[in-house]
Amino acid sequence: MSTVSETCESDPSDPPPRSCPDLDVRDLEQRARLMRIITRLIAVSDLGSRDIARRAGLPMQKVSDLLSGRLEQLSLEELQTLREAIDHELSTS
């Protein structure tokens, strides 16, 4: 076997290369910003973690991940759902 053919072959289990890394950076920045906003909202609300998870329709583990700073465990949509749930509670209080 030639060395060239070995280096050109890829393992099917390898993830596909990213076509635009800027999108990943923007997504991460948006999630980090939302995470900061949500943790501040949680601090001023009277809601517990279980109440927040229930109102957002997400597992308790997601709220735990948020409060522990595990940003990689939360999608942008999940963060937006959490923010809306907390905003709704604060606006009705």
C-alpha atoms as a PDB file:
ATOM      1  CA  MET A   1       0.000   0.000   0.000  1.00  0.00           C
ATOM      2  CA  SER A   2       1.207   3.452  -0.741  1.00  0.00           C
ATOM      3  CA  THR A   3       1.405   6.109   1.923  1.00  0.00           C
ATOM      4  CA  VAL A   4      -0.669   8.495  -0.154  1.00  0.00           C
ATOM      5  CA  SER A   5      -3.705   6.249  -0.254  1.00  0.00           C
ATOM      6  CA  GLU A   6      -3.499   5.639   3.494  1.00  0.00           C
ATOM      7  CA  THR A   7      -3.510   9.333   4.335  1.00  0.00           C
ATOM      8  CA  CYS A   8      -6.381  10.098   1.951  1.00  0.00           C
ATOM      9  CA  GLU A   9      -8.650   7.454   3.380  1.00  0.00           C
ATOM     10  CA  SER A  10     -10.862   8.500   6.240  1.00  0.00           C
ATOM     11  CA  ASP A  11     -12.494   6.464   8.922  1.00  0.00           C
ATOM     12  CA  PRO A  12     -16.307   6.410   8.454  1.00  0.00           C
ATOM     13  CA  SER A  13     -16.714   6.940  12.195  1.00  0.00           C
ATOM     14  CA  ASP A  14     -14.841  10.276  12.045  1.00  0.00           C
ATOM     15  CA  PRO A  15     -17.126  13.299  12.257  1.00  0.00           C
ATOM     16  CA  PRO A  16     -17.428  15.307   9.057  1.00  0.00           C
ATOM     17  CA  PRO A  17     -15.189  18.365   8.849  1.00  0.00           C
ATOM     18  CA  ARG A  18     -16.800  21.641   9.814  1.00  0.00           C
ATOM     19  CA  SER A  19     -17.580  23.763   6.833  1.00  0.00           C
ATOM     20  CA  CYS A  20     -17.756  27.065   8.685  1.00  0.00           C
ATOM     21  CA  PRO A  21     -16.153  27.267  12.137  1.00  0.00           C
ATOM     22  CA  ASP A  22     -17.419  30.857  12.556  1.00  0.00           C
ATOM     23  CA  LEU A  23     -20.949  29.516  13.005  1.00  0.00           C
ATOM     24  CA  ASP A  24     -19.808  27.374  15.912  1.00  0.00           C
ATOM     25  CA  VAL A  25     -18.154  30.393  17.550  1.00  0.00           C
ATOM     26  CA  ARG A  26     -21.262  32.511  17.118  1.00  0.00           C
ATOM     27  CA  ASP A  27     -23.429  29.740  18.531  1.00  0.00           C
ATOM     28  CA  LEU A  28     -21.125  29.384  21.526  1.00  0.00           C
ATOM     29  CA  GLU A  29     -21.139  33.147  22.126  1.00  0.00           C
ATOM     30  CA  GLN A  30     -24.939  33.243  21.979  1.00  0.00           C
ATOM     31  CA  ARG A  31     -25.240  30.321  24.375  1.00  0.00           C
ATOM     32  CA  ALA A  32     -22.732  31.882  26.792  1.00  0.00           C
ATOM     33  CA  ARG A  33     -24.621  35.201  26.739  1.00  0.00           C
ATOM     34  CA  LEU A  34     -27.946  33.456  27.342  1.00  0.00           C
ATOM     35  CA  MET A  35     -26.412  31.414  30.135  1.00  0.00           C
ATOM     36  CA  ARG A  36     -25.282  34.570  31.950  1.00  0.00           C
ATOM     37  CA  ILE A  37     -28.725  36.152  31.536  1.00  0.00           C
ATOM     38  CA  ILE A  38     -30.541  33.039  32.757  1.00  0.00           C
ATOM     39  CA  THR A  39     -28.344  32.574  35.815  1.00  0.00           C
ATOM     40  CA  ARG A  40     -29.012  36.207  36.791  1.00  0.00           C
ATOM     41  CA  LEU A  41     -32.751  35.699  36.311  1.00  0.00           C
ATOM     42  CA  ILE A  42     -32.636  32.571  38.454  1.00  0.00           C
ATOM     43  CA  ALA A  43     -30.819  34.495  41.175  1.00  0.00           C
ATOM     44  CA  VAL A  44     -33.581  37.121  41.391  1.00  0.00           C
ATOM     45  CA  SER A  45     -36.493  34.715  41.020  1.00  0.00           C
ATOM     46  CA  ASP A  46     -38.157  32.719  43.766  1.00  0.00           C
ATOM     47  CA  LEU A  47     -38.168  29.588  41.626  1.00  0.00           C
ATOM     48  CA  GLY A  48     -36.216  26.490  42.525  1.00  0.00           C
ATOM     49  CA  SER A  49     -34.384  24.377  39.991  1.00  0.00           C
ATOM     50  CA  ARG A  50     -37.163  21.800  39.845  1.00  0.00           C
ATOM     51  CA  ASP A  51     -39.806  24.457  39.229  1.00  0.00           C
ATOM     52  CA  ILE A  52     -37.729  25.982  36.451  1.00  0.00           C
ATOM     53  CA  ALA A  53     -37.170  22.604  34.780  1.00  0.00           C
ATOM     54  CA  ARG A  54     -40.869  21.742  35.055  1.00  0.00           C
ATOM     55  CA  ARG A  55     -42.028  25.078  33.638  1.00  0.00           C
ATOM     56  CA  ALA A  56     -39.547  24.827  30.759  1.00  0.00           C
ATOM     57  CA  GLY A  57     -40.450  21.202  30.069  1.00  0.00           C
ATOM     58  CA  LEU A  58     -36.821  20.147  30.353  1.00  0.00           C
ATOM     59  CA  PRO A  59     -35.114  17.545  32.522  1.00  0.00           C
ATOM     60  CA  MET A  60     -33.787  18.730  35.876  1.00  0.00           C
ATOM     61  CA  GLN A  61     -30.303  17.755  34.690  1.00  0.00           C
ATOM     62  CA  LYS A  62     -30.379  20.574  32.119  1.00  0.00           C
ATOM     63  CA  VAL A  63     -30.945  23.181  34.838  1.00  0.00           C
ATOM     64  CA  SER A  64     -28.195  21.552  36.885  1.00  0.00           C
ATOM     65  CA  ASP A  65     -25.860  21.707  33.880  1.00  0.00           C
ATOM     66  CA  LEU A  66     -26.700  25.376  33.425  1.00  0.00           C
ATOM     67  CA  LEU A  67     -26.028  26.257  37.041  1.00  0.00           C
ATOM     68  CA  SER A  68     -22.787  24.258  36.970  1.00  0.00           C
ATOM     69  CA  GLY A  69     -21.569  26.129  33.898  1.00  0.00           C
ATOM     70  CA  ARG A  70     -21.690  23.131  31.558  1.00  0.00           C
ATOM     71  CA  LEU A  71     -22.562  25.140  28.502  1.00  0.00           C
ATOM     72  CA  GLU A  72     -21.711  22.316  26.102  1.00  0.00           C
ATOM     73  CA  GLN A  73     -24.619  20.289  27.531  1.00  0.00           C
ATOM     74  CA  LEU A  74     -27.242  22.864  26.514  1.00  0.00           C
ATOM     75  CA  SER A  75     -28.447  23.820  23.069  1.00  0.00           C
ATOM     76  CA  LEU A  76     -29.424  27.339  22.108  1.00  0.00           C
ATOM     77  CA  GLU A  77     -33.070  26.241  21.906  1.00  0.00           C
ATOM     78  CA  GLU A  78     -32.989  24.765  25.414  1.00  0.00           C
ATOM     79  CA  LEU A  79     -31.482  27.963  26.789  1.00  0.00           C
ATOM     80  CA  GLN A  80     -34.132  30.066  25.069  1.00  0.00           C
ATOM     81  CA  THR A  81     -36.845  27.825  26.499  1.00  0.00           C
ATOM     82  CA  LEU A  82     -35.393  28.233  29.998  1.00  0.00           C
ATOM     83  CA  ARG A  83     -35.220  32.007  29.610  1.00  0.00           C
ATOM     84  CA  GLU A  84     -38.828  32.226  28.421  1.00  0.00           C
ATOM     85  CA  ALA A  85     -40.015  30.091  31.337  1.00  0.00           C
ATOM     86  CA  ILE A  86     -38.237  32.282  33.887  1.00  0.00           C
ATOM     87  CA  ASP A  87     -39.214  35.549  32.153  1.00  0.00           C
ATOM     88  CA  HIS A  88     -42.850  34.446  32.170  1.00  0.00           C
ATOM     89  CA  GLU A  89     -42.708  33.702  35.906  1.00  0.00           C
ATOM     90  CA  LEU A  90     -41.042  37.021  36.699  1.00  0.00           C
ATOM     91  CA  SER A  91     -43.505  38.993  34.591  1.00  0.00           C
ATOM     92  CA  THR A  92     -46.528  37.391  36.277  1.00  0.00           C
ATOM     93  CA  SER A  93     -45.214  37.823  39.831  1.00  0.00           C
END
